Amino acid sequence: MYAIVDIETTGSYAAGNGIIEISVQVFDGENVVEKFESLINPGQNIPRYIQAFTGITNEMVVDAPYFEEVAERVYSILQGNIFVAHNVNFDYSFVKNHLALYGYTLNTKKLCTVRLSRQIFPGYPSYSLGNLCHSLGIELENRHRAGGDATATVTLFKLLLQNDTNDA
C-alpha cells in the first residue's frame, strides 16, 4: 500500500517551520482506500507570501488542530505504507520531524513521483506538479492546497504505475 502525501508549510525547512495543511491518501494501486486531510494550526504566523501562494490564512488555521492533536492519526495512517510524494524528501522531512516532536518515529520506504516521472516520462521541460499534470492531461484542482495536490499526485502515480515497463 502507498500513502500519498502532500503538505503545505510556513517555510522551506522542517526545523524552523510548521505544517499548515496535510493530506494523506492511502492508495492500493487501484483506488484510494483511506484518506486523512486537515488544516493544521502551526503555532506560528503564516508568512504573507505563503498565504498568497496557498490561499491559507492565519484566520483559517486559528481553530484548526495543532499537529500534536493529529500526530497519532497521521502516524497510524503512514505506518506500514510506502510514503509517496512529489518531491518526497520535502514532505517526508517535515512529517518525520513533526512526528518525532510528539514521540513517533517514522521509518517508512519513500517513493518520489518527480524521480519516477523523469524515468518513466523522460524529456519534459518541467517536472513540477502543475506542469507535469498539464503535460499529461491530469486535472489539478485546488493547486497548492494539500488535498488538491495529493489527489493529482494519486492520479499521476496511477499513470506512472501503468506506464512503468522497467520496474522503476
Protein backbone atom coordinates (compact mmCIF):
# COMPACT_ATOMS: atom_id res chain seq x y z
CA MET A 1 0.00 0.00 0.00
CA TYR A 2 1.06 3.55 -0.69
CA ALA A 3 0.44 6.64 1.43
CA ILE A 4 0.37 9.57 -0.97
CA VAL A 5 1.14 12.70 1.00
CA ASP A 6 1.05 16.42 0.37
CA ILE A 7 1.60 19.16 2.91
CA GLU A 8 1.60 22.94 2.93
CA THR A 9 4.04 24.65 5.31
CA THR A 10 5.08 28.05 6.67
CA GLY A 11 8.52 27.74 5.02
CA SER A 12 11.05 25.54 3.30
CA TYR A 13 12.84 23.64 6.10
CA ALA A 14 11.33 21.41 8.75
CA ALA A 15 13.28 22.52 11.83
CA GLY A 16 12.02 26.11 11.91
CA ASN A 17 8.67 25.89 10.16
CA GLY A 18 5.22 24.45 10.72
CA ILE A 19 2.80 22.36 8.71
CA ILE A 20 -0.37 24.29 7.88
CA GLU A 21 -2.22 21.58 5.96
CA ILE A 22 -1.80 17.85 5.37
CA SER A 23 -3.45 15.33 3.10
CA VAL A 24 -2.70 11.61 3.20
CA GLN A 25 -4.41 9.31 0.71
CA VAL A 26 -3.82 5.57 1.12
CA PHE A 27 -3.71 4.03 -2.34
CA ASP A 28 -3.80 0.28 -3.01
CA GLY A 29 -2.58 0.55 -6.62
CA GLU A 30 -6.14 0.89 -7.93
CA ASN A 31 -8.12 3.09 -5.53
CA VAL A 32 -7.81 5.43 -2.58
CA VAL A 33 -8.96 3.28 0.35
CA GLU A 34 -8.41 5.73 3.21
CA LYS A 35 -7.99 9.47 3.44
CA PHE A 36 -6.97 11.96 6.11
CA GLU A 37 -6.95 15.68 5.47
CA SER A 38 -6.80 18.65 7.80
CA LEU A 39 -5.73 22.24 8.14
CA ILE A 40 -3.16 22.48 10.94
CA ASN A 41 -2.52 25.35 13.33
CA PRO A 42 1.27 25.76 13.06
CA GLY A 43 1.53 27.76 16.28
CA GLN A 44 3.30 30.49 14.33
CA ASN A 45 2.42 33.22 11.88
CA ILE A 46 1.97 32.19 8.24
CA PRO A 47 4.17 34.50 6.14
CA ARG A 48 2.35 36.70 3.60
CA TYR A 49 3.98 35.05 0.59
CA ILE A 50 2.85 31.60 1.83
CA GLN A 51 -0.67 32.94 2.33
CA ALA A 52 -0.61 34.28 -1.24
CA PHE A 53 0.84 31.01 -2.59
CA THR A 54 -1.54 28.61 -0.81
CA GLY A 55 -4.55 30.77 -0.03
CA ILE A 56 -4.28 29.54 3.58
CA THR A 57 -4.53 32.44 6.02
CA ASN A 58 -3.85 32.78 9.74
CA GLU A 59 -7.61 33.13 10.24
CA MET A 60 -8.24 29.79 8.53
CA VAL A 61 -5.95 27.85 10.90
CA VAL A 62 -6.79 29.60 14.17
CA ASP A 63 -9.35 26.92 15.14
CA ALA A 64 -7.58 24.06 13.34
CA PRO A 65 -5.91 21.31 15.40
CA TYR A 66 -2.25 21.60 16.30
CA PHE A 67 -0.04 18.88 14.78
CA GLU A 68 0.23 17.30 18.22
CA GLU A 69 -3.53 16.64 18.09
CA VAL A 70 -3.35 14.76 14.76
CA ALA A 71 0.11 13.15 15.18
CA GLU A 72 -1.22 9.75 16.29
CA ARG A 73 -3.68 9.61 13.35
CA VAL A 74 -1.00 10.71 10.84
CA TYR A 75 1.46 8.16 12.20
CA SER A 76 -1.06 5.31 12.10
CA ILE A 77 -2.12 6.04 8.51
CA LEU A 78 1.53 6.22 7.33
CA GLN A 79 2.92 3.27 9.28
CA GLY A 80 3.47 0.19 7.14
CA ASN A 81 2.81 2.03 3.87
CA ILE A 82 5.25 3.39 1.31
CA PHE A 83 5.44 7.20 1.67
CA VAL A 84 4.85 8.72 -1.78
CA ALA A 85 5.07 12.42 -2.60
CA HIS A 86 6.01 14.78 -5.39
CA ASN A 87 9.49 15.81 -4.23
CA VAL A 88 9.26 13.27 -1.42
CA ASN A 89 12.17 14.47 0.73
CA PHE A 90 10.44 17.80 1.41
CA ASP A 91 7.17 16.28 2.67
CA TYR A 92 8.90 13.36 4.42
CA SER A 93 11.33 15.62 6.31
CA PHE A 94 8.50 17.79 7.66
CA VAL A 95 6.23 14.90 8.61
CA LYS A 96 9.07 12.86 10.17
CA ASN A 97 10.32 15.91 12.11
CA HIS A 98 6.86 16.86 13.37
CA LEU A 99 6.00 13.28 14.37
CA ALA A 100 9.32 12.99 16.25
CA LEU A 101 8.39 16.04 18.36
CA TYR A 102 5.50 14.01 19.78
CA GLY A 103 7.31 10.69 20.25
CA TYR A 104 6.60 8.95 16.94
CA THR A 105 9.45 7.52 14.88
CA LEU A 106 8.55 7.44 11.20
CA ASN A 107 10.62 4.92 9.30
CA THR A 108 8.96 4.06 6.01
CA LYS A 109 10.14 3.47 2.48
CA LYS A 110 9.85 6.53 0.25
CA LEU A 111 8.97 6.98 -3.42
CA CYS A 112 9.35 10.26 -5.27
CA THR A 113 6.94 10.94 -8.14
CA VAL A 114 9.35 13.57 -9.55
CA ARG A 115 12.14 10.99 -9.85
CA LEU A 116 9.78 8.32 -11.20
CA SER A 117 8.31 10.78 -13.72
CA ARG A 118 11.77 11.63 -15.04
CA GLN A 119 12.45 7.89 -15.55
CA ILE A 120 9.07 6.83 -16.96
CA PHE A 121 8.19 10.03 -18.89
CA PRO A 122 11.59 11.46 -19.92
CA GLY A 123 12.03 14.68 -21.86
CA TYR A 124 9.51 17.06 -20.32
CA PRO A 125 10.74 20.64 -19.81
CA SER A 126 9.46 20.72 -16.21
CA TYR A 127 8.58 18.11 -13.64
CA SER A 128 6.81 20.45 -11.23
CA LEU A 129 3.44 19.00 -10.28
CA GLY A 130 1.50 21.72 -12.10
CA ASN A 131 3.48 21.49 -15.34
CA LEU A 132 3.61 17.71 -15.34
CA CYS A 133 -0.15 17.43 -14.78
CA HIS A 134 -0.70 19.89 -17.63
CA SER A 135 1.62 17.91 -19.94
CA LEU A 136 -0.04 14.59 -19.08
CA GLY A 137 -3.63 15.87 -19.12
CA ILE A 138 -4.19 15.33 -15.39
CA GLU A 139 -6.79 17.60 -13.84
CA LEU A 140 -5.35 19.61 -10.96
CA GLU A 141 -7.89 21.37 -8.77
CA ASN A 142 -7.03 23.45 -5.72
CA ARG A 143 -3.35 23.87 -6.68
CA HIS A 144 -1.06 24.46 -3.69
CA ARG A 145 -3.63 23.01 -1.32
CA ALA A 146 -2.77 19.66 0.23
CA GLY A 147 -5.95 17.87 -0.88
CA GLY A 148 -5.84 19.07 -4.48
CA ASP A 149 -2.14 18.35 -4.88
CA ALA A 150 -2.43 14.92 -3.20
CA THR A 151 -5.36 13.95 -5.44
CA ALA A 152 -3.37 14.97 -8.54
CA THR A 153 -0.36 13.02 -7.22
CA VAL A 154 -2.57 9.91 -6.83
CA THR A 155 -3.63 10.25 -10.50
CA LEU A 156 -0.02 10.83 -11.57
CA PHE A 157 1.17 7.85 -9.53
CA LYS A 158 -1.52 5.61 -11.06
CA LEU A 159 -0.30 6.70 -14.53
CA LEU A 160 3.30 6.01 -13.53
CA LEU A 161 2.41 2.50 -12.35
CA GLN A 162 0.53 1.81 -15.61
CA ASN A 163 3.46 3.01 -17.74
CA ASP A 164 6.31 1.50 -15.71
CA THR A 165 7.66 -1.14 -18.06
CA ASN A 166 11.14 -1.28 -16.47
CA ASP A 167 10.15 -1.68 -12.82
CA ALA A 168 11.40 1.82 -11.94
